[in-house]
Amino acid sequence: MSEMTELLATRGAEKTIGSPVTAVACARDGQTFALGTVEGEIFLIPVAGLKLPETWLRIEAHDGAVLCLAPDTGKAGFVSGGEDNRLCRTLPDGTVTPLHKGRRWVECVATTTEHIAFSVGKQLEIRNASGDTTLKTLEHPSTVTGIVFDAKGKRVAASHYNGVSMWFVGAKVDTVRPLEWKGSHTTLAIHPAGEALVTAMQENDLHGWRLSDSHNMRMSGYPKRVTSLSFTRNGRWLATSGADAIVLWPFFGGGPMGKPPTELARLPGVFCSAVAAHPKNDIIAAGFEDGSVLLAELGSERVLPICLGKRGKVTGLAFSPLGGVMVFGTDDGVIAAIDLSSAS
């Protein structure tokens, strides 16, 4: 067991912060990670101080929980939404600037290098890169539960009750493309090549749409509700939580319909709670409800344990843009950073 827990001990550091982690993100330049908490804090981990937890910054960014977190439009910094009805920008030095203050929670945020999109209730607001100008406000039939841009930043999709709404960001006249399926859609992911869009449902299954023709795809059989989705870098596989292993659906050869999923990195009786696909290699990071974090390699099925157990449920995982560093947080208030650059 000591050998198996070695990677975090030798390649990284961890810190107990005492507040459950709600979200994890990495800045576009790969130099800083941020973790939001239910207490409204944002913890900043500089990659240069990855093994020095005393250099990790605690920022009081929100009054109430951090509900969403994304890399800023620029190379450094982050944008976050909270229960204090604010959207804020946080810089690596800890400076916090409010971008929006409204009457309702800011529940979802997504960014590209050119746009910030955030949701308040049924409304999705799109702003310019600096965040000071509202370009459009898009109305949805019910509360927005997730936002995602496509890889080129040309389209934005919002999940809500009974489906997903897709919009062209630069359209002069805003016409929605509705993707409909009855029920509560709680989060979403878009295929890197824009071929499909998938949501997690309130029930224990996924729903997808082939974007070329809106054909419906249903992926079911989970023992637990799926809370985390991540497409691999080339879009061949969709990794998800919701079982006692990483569940991988094939998005090639006519899949996923009519094809069984593959399972990797099983921990019998312990559910996977968070997944993140490596940005450059065919590797999936998975966090489990007991605090275990594993790296699983597609193809070889090799599993590399980062740490095992006793840290609380893993609630967020993020890689740096080149994949050399990974950070995770748990609902027991443990945050950790690992240098993977020589871990092969």
Protein backbone atom coordinates (compact mmCIF):
# COMPACT_ATOMS: atom_id res chain seq x y z
CA MET A 1 0.00 0.00 0.00
CA SER A 2 2.81 2.46 0.83
CA GLU A 3 4.26 1.88 -2.63
CA MET A 4 0.85 2.59 -4.15
CA THR A 5 0.42 5.89 -2.31
CA GLU A 6 3.91 7.02 -3.30
CA LEU A 7 3.11 9.19 -6.32
CA LEU A 8 1.39 12.03 -4.47
CA ALA A 9 3.95 11.79 -1.67
CA THR A 10 6.95 11.99 -4.01
CA ARG A 11 5.63 14.11 -6.86
CA GLY A 12 3.30 16.55 -5.18
CA ALA A 13 1.76 17.95 -2.03
CA GLU A 14 -1.59 18.15 -0.29
CA LYS A 15 -3.23 20.43 2.22
CA THR A 16 -6.32 20.16 4.41
CA ILE A 17 -8.32 23.38 4.07
CA GLY A 18 -11.39 22.30 6.05
CA SER A 19 -13.94 23.43 3.47
CA PRO A 20 -15.53 21.17 0.82
CA VAL A 21 -14.25 21.80 -2.71
CA THR A 22 -16.90 22.59 -5.33
CA ALA A 23 -14.87 23.26 -8.49
CA VAL A 24 -11.34 23.00 -9.93
CA ALA A 25 -9.81 24.77 -12.94
CA CYS A 26 -6.44 25.59 -14.51
CA ALA A 27 -5.49 28.91 -16.12
CA ARG A 28 -4.86 28.89 -19.87
CA ASP A 29 -1.11 29.45 -19.42
CA GLY A 30 -0.90 26.36 -17.18
CA GLN A 31 0.88 28.29 -14.43
CA THR A 32 -1.90 28.46 -11.81
CA PHE A 33 -4.73 26.23 -10.60
CA ALA A 34 -7.80 27.40 -8.70
CA LEU A 35 -10.16 25.50 -6.41
CA GLY A 36 -13.48 26.94 -5.19
CA THR A 37 -15.16 25.95 -1.92
CA VAL A 38 -18.60 26.00 -0.29
CA GLU A 39 -17.33 28.80 1.98
CA GLY A 40 -16.70 31.11 -0.99
CA GLU A 41 -12.94 30.77 -0.93
CA ILE A 42 -10.73 30.31 -3.95
CA PHE A 43 -7.42 28.57 -3.32
CA LEU A 44 -4.71 29.37 -5.87
CA ILE A 45 -1.94 26.83 -6.45
CA PRO A 46 1.02 28.18 -8.45
CA VAL A 47 2.67 25.40 -10.45
CA ALA A 48 6.03 26.91 -9.46
CA GLY A 49 5.10 26.21 -5.81
CA LEU A 50 3.36 22.92 -6.45
CA LYS A 51 5.26 21.11 -3.68
CA LEU A 52 5.12 24.06 -1.29
CA PRO A 53 1.61 24.25 0.22
CA GLU A 54 2.67 27.27 2.27
CA THR A 55 2.81 29.24 -1.02
CA TRP A 56 -0.78 28.32 -1.94
CA LEU A 57 -3.02 31.40 -1.65
CA ARG A 58 -6.41 31.48 0.09
CA ILE A 59 -8.68 34.19 -1.35
CA GLU A 60 -12.08 35.22 0.02
CA ALA A 61 -13.75 35.61 -3.36
CA HIS A 62 -17.47 35.03 -2.67
CA ASP A 63 -19.89 35.37 0.22
CA GLY A 64 -21.40 31.88 0.03
CA ALA A 65 -20.43 28.89 -2.06
CA VAL A 66 -18.42 29.06 -5.27
CA LEU A 67 -20.88 27.44 -7.70
CA CYS A 68 -18.78 27.51 -10.87
CA LEU A 69 -15.23 28.19 -11.97
CA ALA A 70 -13.46 28.48 -15.33
CA PRO A 71 -10.15 29.72 -16.73
CA ASP A 72 -10.28 33.40 -17.67
CA THR A 73 -10.31 34.51 -21.31
CA GLY A 74 -6.70 35.68 -20.99
CA LYS A 75 -3.64 33.57 -20.24
CA ALA A 76 -3.84 33.94 -16.46
CA GLY A 77 -6.63 34.10 -13.91
CA PHE A 78 -10.12 32.70 -13.44
CA VAL A 79 -13.80 33.63 -13.49
CA SER A 80 -16.19 32.27 -10.88
CA GLY A 81 -19.87 32.50 -9.98
CA GLY A 82 -21.34 32.24 -6.52
CA GLU A 83 -24.29 32.20 -4.15
CA ASP A 84 -23.60 35.91 -3.53
CA ASN A 85 -25.10 36.59 -7.00
CA ARG A 86 -21.72 37.73 -8.31
CA LEU A 87 -19.46 36.81 -11.21
CA CYS A 88 -15.86 37.54 -10.29
CA ARG A 89 -12.44 37.57 -11.92
CA THR A 90 -9.54 36.34 -9.76
CA LEU A 91 -5.94 36.96 -10.82
CA PRO A 92 -2.96 34.78 -9.82
CA ASP A 93 -1.87 37.41 -7.28
CA GLY A 94 -5.24 37.08 -5.51
CA THR A 95 -6.87 40.27 -6.82
CA VAL A 96 -10.65 39.80 -7.10
CA THR A 97 -12.75 42.01 -9.41
CA PRO A 98 -16.55 41.69 -9.58
CA LEU A 99 -17.85 41.55 -13.18
CA HIS A 100 -21.55 41.12 -12.38
CA LYS A 101 -23.80 41.51 -9.34
CA GLY A 102 -27.43 40.49 -9.72
CA ARG A 103 -30.39 39.19 -7.77
CA ARG A 104 -29.86 35.46 -8.26
CA TRP A 105 -27.06 32.93 -8.00
CA VAL A 106 -24.52 32.73 -10.82
CA GLU A 107 -24.68 28.96 -11.29
CA CYS A 108 -22.69 28.15 -14.46
CA VAL A 109 -19.77 29.69 -16.31
CA ALA A 110 -17.80 28.80 -19.44
CA THR A 111 -15.15 30.73 -21.36
CA THR A 112 -13.18 30.89 -24.59
CA THR A 113 -10.33 33.28 -25.35
CA GLU A 114 -12.96 35.68 -26.75
CA HIS A 115 -16.08 35.24 -24.63
CA ILE A 116 -17.41 34.68 -21.13
CA ALA A 117 -20.78 32.93 -20.81
CA PHE A 118 -22.58 32.66 -17.47
CA SER A 119 -26.06 31.76 -16.32
CA VAL A 120 -28.45 33.31 -13.85
CA GLY A 121 -31.68 31.33 -13.60
CA LYS A 122 -33.07 30.85 -17.13
CA GLN A 123 -30.78 33.46 -18.68
CA LEU A 124 -27.43 32.86 -20.35
CA GLU A 125 -25.39 36.02 -20.73
CA ILE A 126 -22.49 36.29 -23.17
CA ARG A 127 -19.87 38.97 -22.63
CA ASN A 128 -16.71 40.06 -24.40
CA ALA A 129 -13.28 38.83 -23.30
CA SER A 130 -12.75 41.59 -20.75
CA GLY A 131 -16.15 40.87 -19.22
CA ASP A 132 -17.28 44.51 -19.21
CA THR A 133 -19.68 44.40 -22.18
CA THR A 134 -22.79 42.24 -22.51
CA LEU A 135 -23.04 41.02 -26.12
CA LYS A 136 -26.30 39.09 -25.77
CA THR A 137 -28.68 37.57 -23.24
CA LEU A 138 -30.29 34.27 -24.24
CA GLU A 139 -33.50 33.10 -22.59
CA HIS A 140 -34.18 29.42 -21.84
CA PRO A 141 -37.38 27.56 -20.89
CA SER A 142 -36.06 26.67 -17.43
CA THR A 143 -33.00 27.11 -15.19
CA VAL A 144 -29.70 26.56 -16.98
CA THR A 145 -27.76 23.65 -15.42
CA GLY A 146 -24.65 23.60 -17.59
CA ILE A 147 -22.85 25.60 -20.29
CA VAL A 148 -20.33 24.46 -22.88
CA PHE A 149 -18.69 26.06 -25.91
CA ASP A 150 -17.66 23.98 -28.90
CA ALA A 151 -13.92 23.63 -29.58
CA LYS A 152 -13.87 26.63 -31.95
CA GLY A 153 -15.94 28.84 -29.66
CA LYS A 154 -18.51 29.38 -32.44
CA ARG A 155 -21.45 27.72 -30.68
CA VAL A 156 -22.58 27.65 -27.08
CA ALA A 157 -24.92 25.05 -25.58
CA ALA A 158 -26.93 25.24 -22.36
CA SER A 159 -28.57 22.27 -20.63
CA HIS A 160 -31.89 22.70 -18.82
CA TYR A 161 -35.10 20.79 -18.13
CA ASN A 162 -36.27 18.77 -21.17
CA GLY A 163 -33.08 19.17 -23.17
CA VAL A 164 -30.37 21.49 -24.46
CA SER A 165 -30.42 24.78 -26.39
CA MET A 166 -27.63 25.51 -28.88
CA TRP A 167 -26.82 29.00 -30.17
CA PHE A 168 -24.35 30.60 -32.56
CA VAL A 169 -22.29 33.03 -30.51
CA GLY A 170 -21.76 35.51 -33.35
CA ALA A 171 -25.24 35.36 -34.88
CA LYS A 172 -26.83 38.74 -35.62
CA VAL A 173 -30.27 37.21 -35.00
CA ASP A 174 -30.38 34.66 -32.18
CA THR A 175 -32.15 31.51 -33.31
CA VAL A 176 -32.09 28.55 -30.96
CA ARG A 177 -31.41 25.00 -32.05
CA PRO A 178 -33.42 22.91 -29.58
CA LEU A 179 -32.23 19.41 -28.69
CA GLU A 180 -35.17 17.91 -26.87
CA TRP A 181 -35.51 14.97 -24.51
CA LYS A 182 -37.92 14.86 -21.59
CA GLY A 183 -36.46 14.98 -18.11
CA SER A 184 -33.88 16.83 -16.04
CA HIS A 185 -30.49 17.35 -17.70
CA THR A 186 -27.88 18.23 -15.10
CA THR A 187 -24.58 18.74 -16.96
CA LEU A 188 -23.21 18.41 -20.47
CA ALA A 189 -20.16 17.78 -22.66
CA ILE A 190 -19.53 18.41 -26.35
CA HIS A 191 -17.48 16.23 -28.69
CA PRO A 192 -14.11 17.86 -29.58
CA ALA A 193 -14.96 17.71 -33.30
CA GLY A 194 -18.52 18.88 -32.68
CA GLU A 195 -20.03 15.56 -33.71
CA ALA A 196 -22.17 14.97 -30.63
CA LEU A 197 -23.45 16.53 -27.45
CA VAL A 198 -24.14 14.49 -24.31
CA THR A 199 -25.92 15.31 -21.06
CA ALA A 200 -26.11 13.56 -17.71
CA MET A 201 -29.68 13.02 -16.54
CA GLN A 202 -31.25 13.16 -13.10
CA GLU A 203 -31.94 9.45 -13.64
CA ASN A 204 -28.96 7.10 -13.80
CA ASP A 205 -28.27 7.54 -17.49
CA LEU A 206 -26.94 9.80 -20.22
CA HIS A 207 -28.65 11.27 -23.24
CA GLY A 208 -26.89 12.35 -26.41
CA TRP A 209 -27.61 13.92 -29.76
CA ARG A 210 -25.68 13.40 -32.98
CA LEU A 211 -25.27 17.00 -34.09
CA SER A 212 -25.29 16.27 -37.84
CA ASP A 213 -28.97 15.24 -37.71
CA SER A 214 -30.12 15.56 -34.04
CA HIS A 215 -30.42 11.76 -33.82
CA ASN A 216 -31.04 10.70 -30.19
CA MET A 217 -28.56 8.50 -28.32
CA ARG A 218 -29.28 6.93 -24.94
CA MET A 219 -26.59 5.47 -22.68
CA SER A 220 -27.94 3.72 -19.61
CA GLY A 221 -27.20 1.02 -17.05
CA TYR A 222 -25.48 3.10 -14.39
CA PRO A 223 -25.89 2.12 -10.73
CA LYS A 224 -25.63 5.79 -9.71
CA ARG A 225 -26.34 9.23 -11.14
CA VAL A 226 -23.58 10.55 -13.41
CA THR A 227 -22.09 13.84 -12.23
CA SER A 228 -18.92 14.08 -14.34
CA LEU A 229 -18.32 13.73 -18.11
CA SER A 230 -15.16 14.18 -20.18
CA PHE A 231 -14.41 13.42 -23.83
CA THR A 232 -10.92 12.15 -24.65
CA ARG A 233 -8.74 14.53 -26.67
CA ASN A 234 -9.63 12.95 -30.04
CA GLY A 235 -13.28 12.34 -29.14
CA ARG A 236 -13.07 8.56 -29.50
CA TRP A 237 -14.29 7.94 -25.96
CA LEU A 238 -16.55 9.65 -23.44
CA ALA A 239 -15.42 9.00 -19.86
CA THR A 240 -17.94 9.28 -17.04
CA SER A 241 -18.45 8.78 -13.33
CA GLY A 242 -21.44 6.84 -11.96
CA ALA A 243 -20.01 3.34 -11.38
CA ASP A 244 -17.24 1.67 -9.36
CA ALA A 245 -14.96 2.15 -12.39
CA ILE A 246 -14.41 4.71 -15.14
CA VAL A 247 -17.16 4.10 -17.71
CA LEU A 248 -16.05 4.74 -21.33
CA TRP A 249 -18.50 4.97 -24.22
CA PRO A 250 -17.12 4.52 -27.76
CA PHE A 251 -17.78 7.42 -30.14
CA PHE A 252 -16.36 5.65 -33.20
CA GLY A 253 -17.41 2.78 -35.43
CA GLY A 254 -21.05 3.75 -35.18
CA GLY A 255 -21.01 3.99 -31.37
CA PRO A 256 -22.17 4.60 -28.75
CA MET A 257 -25.60 3.25 -29.69
CA GLY A 258 -25.71 -0.54 -29.69
CA LYS A 259 -22.20 -0.80 -28.25
CA PRO A 260 -21.39 -1.69 -24.65
CA PRO A 261 -19.20 0.68 -22.66
CA THR A 262 -15.70 -0.24 -21.55
CA GLU A 263 -14.77 -0.02 -17.87
CA LEU A 264 -11.34 0.90 -16.51
CA ALA A 265 -9.72 1.25 -13.09
CA ARG A 266 -12.36 -0.58 -11.05
CA LEU A 267 -12.41 -0.09 -7.28
CA PRO A 268 -15.00 -2.67 -6.18
CA GLY A 269 -17.76 -1.08 -4.13
CA VAL A 270 -16.30 2.46 -4.37
CA PHE A 271 -17.98 4.83 -6.82
CA CYS A 272 -16.13 7.09 -9.23
CA SER A 273 -17.19 10.70 -8.60
CA ALA A 274 -15.05 12.78 -10.99
CA VAL A 275 -13.27 12.21 -14.32
CA ALA A 276 -10.96 14.31 -16.49
CA ALA A 277 -9.41 13.31 -19.81
CA HIS A 278 -5.75 14.14 -20.31
CA PRO A 279 -5.38 16.94 -22.91
CA LYS A 280 -2.53 15.31 -24.86
CA ASN A 281 -2.47 11.57 -24.14
CA ASP A 282 -4.99 8.71 -24.00
CA ILE A 283 -5.19 8.83 -20.22
CA ILE A 284 -8.16 9.41 -17.89
CA ALA A 285 -7.86 10.75 -14.35
CA ALA A 286 -10.54 9.47 -12.02
CA GLY A 287 -11.43 10.47 -8.48
CA PHE A 288 -13.50 8.20 -6.23
CA GLU A 289 -15.85 8.69 -3.31
CA ASP A 290 -13.27 7.44 -0.79
CA GLY A 291 -10.65 9.97 -1.93
CA SER A 292 -8.69 7.66 -4.21
CA VAL A 293 -7.31 9.16 -7.42
CA LEU A 294 -6.11 6.99 -10.30
CA LEU A 295 -4.71 7.51 -13.79
CA ALA A 296 -5.88 4.94 -16.35
CA GLU A 297 -4.28 4.50 -19.75
CA LEU A 298 -6.57 3.65 -22.65
CA GLY A 299 -5.44 0.70 -24.72
CA SER A 300 -3.00 -0.81 -22.24
CA GLU A 301 -5.51 -0.52 -19.36
CA ARG A 302 -2.55 0.29 -17.13
CA VAL A 303 -3.59 2.03 -13.88
CA LEU A 304 -1.33 4.36 -11.94
CA PRO A 305 -2.50 5.17 -8.39
CA ILE A 306 -1.97 8.81 -7.40
CA CYS A 307 -3.31 8.27 -3.89
CA LEU A 308 -5.67 5.87 -2.17
CA GLY A 309 -8.54 6.69 0.17
CA LYS A 310 -9.16 8.67 3.36
CA ARG A 311 -9.53 12.14 1.86
CA GLY A 312 -13.28 12.30 1.26
CA LYS A 313 -15.17 12.19 -2.02
CA VAL A 314 -13.24 13.69 -4.94
CA THR A 315 -15.37 16.59 -6.23
CA GLY A 316 -13.09 18.03 -8.89
CA LEU A 317 -10.04 17.20 -11.03
CA ALA A 318 -8.18 19.30 -13.57
CA PHE A 319 -5.09 18.92 -15.76
CA SER A 320 -2.87 21.75 -16.95
CA PRO A 321 -3.26 22.46 -20.71
CA LEU A 322 -0.23 20.32 -21.55
CA GLY A 323 -1.13 17.68 -18.96
CA GLY A 324 2.06 17.87 -16.91
CA VAL A 325 0.28 18.80 -13.68
CA MET A 326 -2.97 17.66 -12.09
CA VAL A 327 -4.88 19.11 -9.15
CA PHE A 328 -7.85 17.69 -7.25
CA GLY A 329 -10.09 18.58 -4.35
CA THR A 330 -12.48 16.67 -2.07
CA ASP A 331 -15.59 17.29 0.00
CA ASP A 332 -13.57 16.69 3.16
CA GLY A 333 -11.58 19.81 2.28
CA VAL A 334 -8.38 18.23 0.99
CA ILE A 335 -6.63 19.84 -1.99
CA ALA A 336 -3.63 18.30 -3.75
CA ALA A 337 -1.32 18.93 -6.71
CA ILE A 338 0.82 16.35 -8.54
CA ASP A 339 3.65 16.82 -11.05
CA LEU A 340 3.10 14.18 -13.74
CA SER A 341 5.69 15.42 -16.19
CA SER A 342 8.03 12.49 -15.48
CA ALA A 343 5.33 9.98 -14.56
CA SER A 344 4.96 7.63 -17.48
